[in-house]
Each structure stands twice: as structure tokens, then as C-alpha cells.
Amino acid sequence: MYNLFLDDMRVPQDVFNYTGNPIFLKEDWVIVRSYDEFVKYIEEKGLPEMVTFDHDLADVHYGVQDHVDQDYYDLCEEKTGYHCALWMINYCLDNELKLPKRVYIHSMNGPGARNINSLFTTYEKVYGK
């Protein structure tokens, strides 16, 4: 099994520096930088044991933290961590797979992080863990 780290710029050490969460130092990570890399890696290697999400995966996402709603996601040309999380949930549902055991959201975009979290919260309410 492997651990997947989704972020367009940072590495796990950077995330440890602002979260203090030692998981980012203790684990080995496969780093992917975009929606396309995220999807391709999972399709080729299977689901990770653990995954952590950044929200903003392109320069065009920076600075829009105050209005990240469904309309925003529908209009995005460059996909976000939200799109990755949604894809992974649908991939699991379509293939009758369980989500990774551990999911973290390390994004500094508060509304974006909450939106990703709400996908997993809704999944758990509807389908259980």
C-alpha cells in the first residue's frame, strides 16, 4: 500500500511545519500535483491507504477563498482538490470499493477544505465508513 499527497506546490514537510501533525513526517508519500496525476495514479496503482488533500491546485484558485461554492466548482477550468475527492468517492462507489482508511485535508483554503470535508462527511452519513 502507499500514501498519496495531493498538493500543487508543497511537500509533506511543509504541511508538518504549519499543522504540527507528525503523520507528515512519519509516513512515506507519493506526491501528485494535479487532478490528472491524482486520477491516473489511483487508476494505475489502486487506492492508497491514506490520502491528504490540498484544495487549490493551480494559480487561478488562489485568492478566491471567500466564495468557493458549487457554482465555482462547475466553472473551474483547472480542477481542485474538491474535484479529486469527488472523483475518488465516485470511483469507490462505481467499483464497490471502500475509501482509504485515513483521509486528511491539509489545505490552507478554509472554505475549500470545508467543502472537501463535507464530501466525506456526506459519504459517511449515506454509506457508512
Foldseek 3Di string as FASTA:
>chain_A
DAEEEEAQDDALVVLCVVPVDCVSVPGDYDYDQALVRLVVCCVVPNAHLEYEFAFDRDPVPPPPLVDDDPVNQVPDPGHTSLVNLVVQLVVCVVVVHDHRPYYHYSYPSVVRSVSSVVVVVVCCVVPND
